[in-house]
Amino acid sequence: MTADSASVATFLAAVQDCRERLRRLHGRYLAAGASRVDPVLSLSGRPFTVHEGESSTEYDGCLTLGLVVRNAEGREFDLEVDLLWTDPTWRIDTSARADEDDGGHRPVRELPQRNAADLPSCLEQLRAAVDDLAVFEDWVLAK
């Protein structure tokens, strides 16, 4: 196996591990009172630009992992980890968004951004970010 192939295999194994972590969080949210929990996995390899204030950064792609959680009152929240990449860095954003009546999503909670300069650090931080989706439980399911 070439070094590039080994990196791809390592990345895919980490994504599978994250899906298992999401499965455990799925059960946790249901046990805590969510009426519905749906997993999210989305991959885009198309370049895009993120604008933040006066600056902008072009990314080569994005992987989103998360859960859509509906609480007992029927309100839905998107709990997401976004992994964005561009040579030579990785960026990981963890957030909760509330669904709005107009079909939009309003950001309501964000955890500190994570950054990594290499694949092993990125995958370690990705796993931790997925586990961090549990911190939204009390807030999303508040009665």
N, C-alpha and C. Protein backbone atom coordinates (compact mmCIF):
# COMPACT_ATOMS: atom_id res chain seq x y z
N MET A 1 0.86 -1.17 0.00
CA MET A 1 0.00 0.00 0.00
C MET A 1 0.91 1.24 0.00
N THR A 2 0.58 2.18 -0.85
CA THR A 2 1.36 3.42 -0.90
C THR A 2 1.02 4.31 0.30
N ALA A 3 1.83 5.31 0.54
CA ALA A 3 1.58 6.24 1.65
C ALA A 3 0.24 6.96 1.46
N ASP A 4 -0.06 7.35 0.22
CA ASP A 4 -1.35 8.01 -0.05
C ASP A 4 -2.52 7.07 0.23
N SER A 5 -2.40 5.82 -0.19
CA SER A 5 -3.45 4.84 0.05
C SER A 5 -3.63 4.60 1.55
N ALA A 6 -2.53 4.52 2.27
CA ALA A 6 -2.60 4.31 3.71
C ALA A 6 -3.30 5.49 4.40
N SER A 7 -3.04 6.71 3.93
CA SER A 7 -3.70 7.89 4.49
C SER A 7 -5.20 7.86 4.24
N VAL A 8 -5.59 7.45 3.04
CA VAL A 8 -7.02 7.34 2.72
C VAL A 8 -7.67 6.29 3.61
N ALA A 9 -7.03 5.15 3.76
CA ALA A 9 -7.58 4.08 4.61
C ALA A 9 -7.70 4.55 6.05
N THR A 10 -6.72 5.27 6.53
CA THR A 10 -6.75 5.81 7.90
C THR A 10 -7.90 6.79 8.06
N PHE A 11 -8.08 7.66 7.07
CA PHE A 11 -9.17 8.64 7.11
C PHE A 11 -10.53 7.93 7.12
N LEU A 12 -10.70 6.95 6.25
CA LEU A 12 -11.98 6.24 6.18
C LEU A 12 -12.27 5.47 7.47
N ALA A 13 -11.24 4.88 8.06
CA ALA A 13 -11.43 4.18 9.34
C ALA A 13 -11.87 5.17 10.42
N ALA A 14 -11.31 6.37 10.41
CA ALA A 14 -11.70 7.38 11.39
C ALA A 14 -13.14 7.82 11.17
N VAL A 15 -13.56 7.98 9.92
CA VAL A 15 -14.95 8.35 9.64
C VAL A 15 -15.89 7.25 10.13
N GLN A 16 -15.52 5.99 9.92
CA GLN A 16 -16.34 4.88 10.41
C GLN A 16 -16.41 4.91 11.94
N ASP A 17 -15.30 5.21 12.60
CA ASP A 17 -15.29 5.32 14.06
C ASP A 17 -16.21 6.46 14.51
N CYS A 18 -16.19 7.56 13.80
CA CYS A 18 -17.07 8.69 14.12
C CYS A 18 -18.54 8.30 13.95
N ARG A 19 -18.84 7.52 12.93
CA ARG A 19 -20.23 7.05 12.74
C ARG A 19 -20.66 6.19 13.92
N GLU A 20 -19.77 5.37 14.45
CA GLU A 20 -20.08 4.55 15.63
C GLU A 20 -20.31 5.46 16.84
N ARG A 21 -19.51 6.49 16.98
CA ARG A 21 -19.70 7.44 18.08
C ARG A 21 -21.05 8.14 17.95
N LEU A 22 -21.45 8.49 16.72
CA LEU A 22 -22.76 9.08 16.49
C LEU A 22 -23.88 8.11 16.84
N ARG A 23 -23.68 6.83 16.55
CA ARG A 23 -24.69 5.82 16.90
C ARG A 23 -24.91 5.79 18.41
N ARG A 24 -23.82 5.87 19.17
CA ARG A 24 -23.94 5.89 20.64
C ARG A 24 -24.65 7.17 21.10
N LEU A 25 -24.30 8.30 20.49
CA LEU A 25 -24.97 9.56 20.84
C LEU A 25 -26.45 9.52 20.47
N HIS A 26 -26.77 8.86 19.37
CA HIS A 26 -28.16 8.67 18.94
C HIS A 26 -28.95 8.02 20.07
N GLY A 27 -28.44 6.93 20.60
CA GLY A 27 -29.11 6.24 21.71
C GLY A 27 -29.20 7.09 22.95
N ARG A 28 -28.16 7.84 23.22
CA ARG A 28 -28.13 8.70 24.40
C ARG A 28 -29.21 9.77 24.31
N TYR A 29 -29.34 10.42 23.14
CA TYR A 29 -30.35 11.45 22.98
C TYR A 29 -31.76 10.87 23.07
N LEU A 30 -31.98 9.70 22.50
CA LEU A 30 -33.30 9.06 22.60
C LEU A 30 -33.62 8.72 24.05
N ALA A 31 -32.65 8.16 24.78
CA ALA A 31 -32.86 7.80 26.18
C ALA A 31 -33.13 9.03 27.04
N ALA A 32 -32.58 10.17 26.63
CA ALA A 32 -32.75 11.41 27.41
C ALA A 32 -34.05 12.14 27.09
N GLY A 33 -34.83 11.64 26.11
CA GLY A 33 -36.13 12.24 25.84
C GLY A 33 -36.37 12.80 24.46
N ALA A 34 -35.40 12.69 23.55
CA ALA A 34 -35.63 13.16 22.19
C ALA A 34 -36.72 12.30 21.55
N SER A 35 -37.59 12.90 20.76
CA SER A 35 -38.63 12.13 20.10
C SER A 35 -38.13 11.52 18.79
N ARG A 36 -37.03 12.09 18.25
CA ARG A 36 -36.47 11.55 17.02
C ARG A 36 -35.02 12.03 16.90
N VAL A 37 -34.16 11.15 16.39
CA VAL A 37 -32.76 11.49 16.16
C VAL A 37 -32.34 10.85 14.84
N ASP A 38 -31.86 11.68 13.91
CA ASP A 38 -31.41 11.17 12.62
C ASP A 38 -29.93 11.50 12.44
N PRO A 39 -29.15 10.52 11.98
CA PRO A 39 -27.73 10.79 11.74
C PRO A 39 -27.53 11.57 10.45
N VAL A 40 -26.42 12.32 10.40
CA VAL A 40 -26.06 13.11 9.22
C VAL A 40 -24.63 12.77 8.83
N LEU A 41 -24.43 12.48 7.56
CA LEU A 41 -23.09 12.34 7.00
C LEU A 41 -23.16 12.91 5.59
N SER A 42 -22.38 13.95 5.36
CA SER A 42 -22.39 14.62 4.07
C SER A 42 -20.95 14.93 3.68
N LEU A 43 -20.62 14.71 2.41
CA LEU A 43 -19.28 14.96 1.92
C LEU A 43 -19.35 15.80 0.65
N SER A 44 -18.56 16.87 0.63
CA SER A 44 -18.47 17.69 -0.56
C SER A 44 -17.00 17.91 -0.88
N GLY A 45 -16.60 17.55 -2.09
CA GLY A 45 -15.24 17.77 -2.53
C GLY A 45 -15.10 18.97 -3.44
N ARG A 46 -16.09 19.83 -3.41
CA ARG A 46 -16.06 21.03 -4.26
C ARG A 46 -15.49 22.21 -3.48
N PRO A 47 -14.63 22.98 -4.09
CA PRO A 47 -14.09 24.15 -3.41
C PRO A 47 -15.19 25.16 -3.07
N PHE A 48 -15.03 25.84 -1.95
CA PHE A 48 -15.96 26.88 -1.52
C PHE A 48 -15.21 27.87 -0.65
N THR A 49 -15.81 29.02 -0.44
CA THR A 49 -15.17 30.08 0.33
C THR A 49 -15.99 30.36 1.58
N VAL A 50 -15.30 30.50 2.71
CA VAL A 50 -15.92 30.90 3.96
C VAL A 50 -15.52 32.34 4.24
N HIS A 51 -16.54 33.20 4.40
CA HIS A 51 -16.31 34.61 4.68
C HIS A 51 -16.54 34.85 6.17
N GLU A 52 -15.54 35.43 6.82
CA GLU A 52 -15.66 35.75 8.24
C GLU A 52 -15.16 37.17 8.44
N GLY A 53 -16.10 38.06 8.65
CA GLY A 53 -15.72 39.46 8.80
C GLY A 53 -15.08 39.98 7.52
N GLU A 54 -13.90 40.54 7.65
CA GLU A 54 -13.18 41.10 6.52
C GLU A 54 -12.37 40.06 5.75
N SER A 55 -12.19 38.88 6.31
CA SER A 55 -11.34 37.88 5.66
C SER A 55 -12.16 36.74 5.05
N SER A 56 -11.53 36.02 4.17
CA SER A 56 -12.17 34.85 3.56
C SER A 56 -11.10 33.78 3.34
N THR A 57 -11.54 32.52 3.41
CA THR A 57 -10.65 31.39 3.21
C THR A 57 -11.29 30.44 2.23
N GLU A 58 -10.53 29.99 1.25
CA GLU A 58 -11.01 29.01 0.27
C GLU A 58 -10.66 27.61 0.79
N TYR A 59 -11.66 26.74 0.86
CA TYR A 59 -11.47 25.35 1.29
C TYR A 59 -11.70 24.43 0.10
N ASP A 60 -11.03 23.29 0.13
CA ASP A 60 -11.14 22.31 -0.95
C ASP A 60 -12.33 21.38 -0.80
N GLY A 61 -12.85 21.26 0.41
CA GLY A 61 -13.98 20.39 0.64
C GLY A 61 -14.42 20.41 2.08
N CYS A 62 -15.49 19.64 2.36
CA CYS A 62 -16.07 19.61 3.71
C CYS A 62 -16.74 18.26 3.95
N LEU A 63 -16.52 17.73 5.13
CA LEU A 63 -17.23 16.54 5.61
C LEU A 63 -18.04 16.97 6.81
N THR A 64 -19.34 16.68 6.80
CA THR A 64 -20.21 17.01 7.92
C THR A 64 -20.71 15.72 8.55
N LEU A 65 -20.55 15.63 9.86
CA LEU A 65 -21.05 14.51 10.66
C LEU A 65 -21.93 15.11 11.75
N GLY A 66 -23.06 14.48 12.03
CA GLY A 66 -23.88 15.03 13.09
C GLY A 66 -25.18 14.30 13.30
N LEU A 67 -26.06 14.98 14.02
CA LEU A 67 -27.38 14.44 14.35
C LEU A 67 -28.41 15.55 14.18
N VAL A 68 -29.58 15.18 13.68
CA VAL A 68 -30.74 16.06 13.72
C VAL A 68 -31.60 15.52 14.85
N VAL A 69 -31.80 16.36 15.86
CA VAL A 69 -32.51 15.93 17.08
C VAL A 69 -33.82 16.70 17.18
N ARG A 70 -34.92 15.97 17.35
CA ARG A 70 -36.22 16.59 17.59
C ARG A 70 -36.56 16.39 19.06
N ASN A 71 -36.84 17.49 19.75
CA ASN A 71 -37.17 17.37 21.17
C ASN A 71 -38.65 17.04 21.34
N ALA A 72 -39.08 16.88 22.58
CA ALA A 72 -40.46 16.47 22.88
C ALA A 72 -41.48 17.48 22.36
N GLU A 73 -41.08 18.75 22.24
CA GLU A 73 -41.99 19.78 21.74
C GLU A 73 -42.04 19.84 20.23
N GLY A 74 -41.25 19.01 19.56
CA GLY A 74 -41.24 18.95 18.11
C GLY A 74 -40.25 19.90 17.44
N ARG A 75 -39.45 20.59 18.22
CA ARG A 75 -38.45 21.51 17.66
C ARG A 75 -37.21 20.72 17.26
N GLU A 76 -36.66 21.04 16.07
CA GLU A 76 -35.49 20.31 15.57
C GLU A 76 -34.23 21.15 15.68
N PHE A 77 -33.14 20.44 15.98
CA PHE A 77 -31.83 21.05 16.10
C PHE A 77 -30.84 20.23 15.29
N ASP A 78 -29.97 20.91 14.55
CA ASP A 78 -28.90 20.26 13.82
C ASP A 78 -27.64 20.38 14.66
N LEU A 79 -27.11 19.25 15.09
CA LEU A 79 -25.88 19.21 15.86
C LEU A 79 -24.81 18.69 14.90
N GLU A 80 -23.83 19.54 14.58
CA GLU A 80 -22.93 19.19 13.48
C GLU A 80 -21.47 19.44 13.81
N VAL A 81 -20.66 18.57 13.22
CA VAL A 81 -19.21 18.75 13.18
C VAL A 81 -18.86 18.89 11.70
N ASP A 82 -18.26 20.02 11.35
CA ASP A 82 -17.84 20.26 9.97
C ASP A 82 -16.32 20.20 9.91
N LEU A 83 -15.83 19.31 9.08
CA LEU A 83 -14.39 19.19 8.84
C LEU A 83 -14.11 19.81 7.48
N LEU A 84 -13.37 20.93 7.49
CA LEU A 84 -13.03 21.64 6.26
C LEU A 84 -11.53 21.48 6.03
N TRP A 85 -11.14 21.37 4.76
CA TRP A 85 -9.71 21.21 4.50
C TRP A 85 -9.24 22.06 3.34
N THR A 86 -8.00 22.46 3.47
CA THR A 86 -7.26 23.14 2.43
C THR A 86 -5.79 22.90 2.72
N ASP A 87 -5.00 22.78 1.72
CA ASP A 87 -3.58 22.49 1.93
C ASP A 87 -2.93 23.69 2.60
N PRO A 88 -2.33 23.60 3.73
CA PRO A 88 -1.92 22.41 4.48
C PRO A 88 -2.69 22.21 5.78
N THR A 89 -3.89 22.82 5.94
CA THR A 89 -4.55 22.76 7.24
C THR A 89 -5.94 22.14 7.18
N TRP A 90 -6.36 21.72 8.36
CA TRP A 90 -7.70 21.18 8.59
C TRP A 90 -8.37 22.09 9.63
N ARG A 91 -9.68 22.31 9.46
CA ARG A 91 -10.46 23.12 10.40
C ARG A 91 -11.67 22.30 10.80
N ILE A 92 -11.99 22.31 12.09
CA ILE A 92 -13.14 21.58 12.60
C ILE A 92 -14.03 22.54 13.38
N ASP A 93 -15.29 22.67 12.94
CA ASP A 93 -16.28 23.51 13.61
C ASP A 93 -17.35 22.61 14.20
N THR A 94 -17.75 22.89 15.43
CA THR A 94 -18.79 22.12 16.12
C THR A 94 -19.88 23.10 16.52
N SER A 95 -21.12 22.82 16.10
CA SER A 95 -22.19 23.78 16.35
C SER A 95 -23.55 23.11 16.50
N ALA A 96 -24.47 23.88 17.06
CA ALA A 96 -25.88 23.51 17.13
C ALA A 96 -26.66 24.61 16.45
N ARG A 97 -27.61 24.22 15.59
CA ARG A 97 -28.46 25.18 14.91
C ARG A 97 -29.91 24.78 15.12
N ALA A 98 -30.75 25.77 15.31
CA ALA A 98 -32.18 25.53 15.48
C ALA A 98 -32.87 25.73 14.15
N ASP A 99 -33.78 24.83 13.82
CA ASP A 99 -34.58 25.00 12.61
C ASP A 99 -35.56 26.14 12.81
N GLU A 100 -35.68 26.96 11.80
CA GLU A 100 -36.60 28.10 11.84
C GLU A 100 -37.84 27.78 11.02
N ASP A 101 -38.92 28.49 11.28
CA ASP A 101 -40.18 28.28 10.56
C ASP A 101 -40.04 28.54 9.06
N ASP A 102 -39.12 29.43 8.68
CA ASP A 102 -38.95 29.75 7.27
C ASP A 102 -38.05 28.74 6.54
N GLY A 103 -37.66 27.67 7.22
CA GLY A 103 -36.84 26.63 6.60
C GLY A 103 -35.35 26.83 6.80
N GLY A 104 -34.96 27.95 7.41
CA GLY A 104 -33.55 28.21 7.65
C GLY A 104 -33.06 27.57 8.94
N HIS A 105 -31.80 27.78 9.21
CA HIS A 105 -31.18 27.25 10.42
C HIS A 105 -30.46 28.39 11.11
N ARG A 106 -30.81 28.66 12.35
CA ARG A 106 -30.20 29.74 13.12
C ARG A 106 -29.14 29.15 14.04
N PRO A 107 -27.88 29.60 13.90
CA PRO A 107 -26.85 29.11 14.82
C PRO A 107 -27.18 29.54 16.24
N VAL A 108 -27.13 28.60 17.17
CA VAL A 108 -27.47 28.93 18.55
C VAL A 108 -26.35 28.62 19.53
N ARG A 109 -25.50 27.69 19.22
CA ARG A 109 -24.35 27.37 20.07
C ARG A 109 -23.19 26.93 19.19
N GLU A 110 -22.00 27.41 19.50
CA GLU A 110 -20.80 26.98 18.79
C GLU A 110 -19.71 26.69 19.81
N LEU A 111 -18.98 25.63 19.58
CA LEU A 111 -17.83 25.31 20.42
C LEU A 111 -16.60 25.91 19.77
N PRO A 112 -15.52 26.05 20.52
CA PRO A 112 -14.31 26.62 19.93
C PRO A 112 -13.83 25.84 18.70
N GLN A 113 -13.39 26.59 17.71
CA GLN A 113 -12.87 25.99 16.48
C GLN A 113 -11.59 25.21 16.79
N ARG A 114 -11.43 24.10 16.10
CA ARG A 114 -10.21 23.28 16.22
C ARG A 114 -9.47 23.36 14.90
N ASN A 115 -8.15 23.34 14.96
CA ASN A 115 -7.32 23.36 13.76
C ASN A 115 -6.23 22.31 13.89
N ALA A 116 -5.84 21.73 12.77
CA ALA A 116 -4.77 20.74 12.75
C ALA A 116 -3.94 20.92 11.50
N ALA A 117 -2.67 20.58 11.63
CA ALA A 117 -1.75 20.72 10.50
C ALA A 117 -1.39 19.38 9.88
N ASP A 118 -1.83 18.28 10.50
CA ASP A 118 -1.52 16.97 9.93
C ASP A 118 -2.69 16.03 10.14
N LEU A 119 -2.71 14.95 9.38
CA LEU A 119 -3.84 14.01 9.41
C LEU A 119 -4.04 13.36 10.78
N PRO A 120 -3.01 12.85 11.44
CA PRO A 120 -3.26 12.23 12.75
C PRO A 120 -3.89 13.19 13.76
N SER A 121 -3.40 14.43 13.82
CA SER A 121 -3.99 15.41 14.73
C SER A 121 -5.42 15.73 14.34
N CYS A 122 -5.66 15.84 13.05
CA CYS A 122 -7.00 16.12 12.55
C CYS A 122 -7.98 15.04 12.99
N LEU A 123 -7.61 13.79 12.80
CA LEU A 123 -8.52 12.69 13.11
C LEU A 123 -8.76 12.58 14.61
N GLU A 124 -7.75 12.85 15.40
CA GLU A 124 -7.92 12.86 16.86
C GLU A 124 -8.92 13.94 17.26
N GLN A 125 -8.76 15.12 16.69
CA GLN A 125 -9.66 16.23 17.00
C GLN A 125 -11.06 16.00 16.44
N LEU A 126 -11.17 15.34 15.29
CA LEU A 126 -12.47 15.03 14.72
C LEU A 126 -13.26 14.11 15.65
N ARG A 127 -12.60 13.08 16.15
CA ARG A 127 -13.27 12.16 17.09
C ARG A 127 -13.73 12.92 18.34
N ALA A 128 -12.87 13.77 18.87
CA ALA A 128 -13.23 14.54 20.07
C ALA A 128 -14.40 15.48 19.78
N ALA A 129 -14.42 16.09 18.61
CA ALA A 129 -15.51 17.00 18.24
C ALA A 129 -16.84 16.25 18.15
N VAL A 130 -16.83 15.06 17.59
CA VAL A 130 -18.07 14.26 17.52
C VAL A 130 -18.53 13.93 18.94
N ASP A 131 -17.62 13.53 19.81
CA ASP A 131 -17.99 13.26 21.20
C ASP A 131 -18.56 14.50 21.88
N ASP A 132 -18.06 15.68 21.50
CA ASP A 132 -18.53 16.94 22.09
C ASP A 132 -19.98 17.26 21.75
N LEU A 133 -20.57 16.61 20.78
CA LEU A 133 -21.98 16.85 20.47
C LEU A 133 -22.87 16.51 21.65
N ALA A 134 -22.37 15.72 22.58
CA ALA A 134 -23.14 15.39 23.78
C ALA A 134 -23.37 16.60 24.67
N VAL A 135 -22.51 17.63 24.59
CA VAL A 135 -22.66 18.79 25.47
C VAL A 135 -23.93 19.58 25.19
N PHE A 136 -24.54 19.37 24.04
CA PHE A 136 -25.76 20.10 23.70
C PHE A 136 -27.02 19.44 24.28
N GLU A 137 -26.88 18.26 24.87
CA GLU A 137 -28.04 17.48 25.31
C GLU A 137 -28.97 18.25 26.24
N ASP A 138 -28.45 18.79 27.35
CA ASP A 138 -29.31 19.48 28.32
C ASP A 138 -30.01 20.67 27.68
N TRP A 139 -29.31 21.36 26.81
CA TRP A 139 -29.87 22.55 26.19
C TRP A 139 -30.95 22.19 25.17
N VAL A 140 -30.68 21.20 24.29
CA VAL A 140 -31.63 20.81 23.25
C VAL A 140 -32.88 20.18 23.85
N LEU A 141 -32.69 19.40 24.91
CA LEU A 141 -33.81 18.66 25.48
C LEU A 141 -34.39 19.34 26.72
N ALA A 142 -34.03 20.59 26.97
CA ALA A 142 -34.53 21.32 28.14
C ALA A 142 -36.05 21.37 28.11
N LYS A 143 -36.62 21.19 29.25
CA LYS A 143 -38.08 21.17 29.34
C LYS A 143 -38.60 22.43 29.96
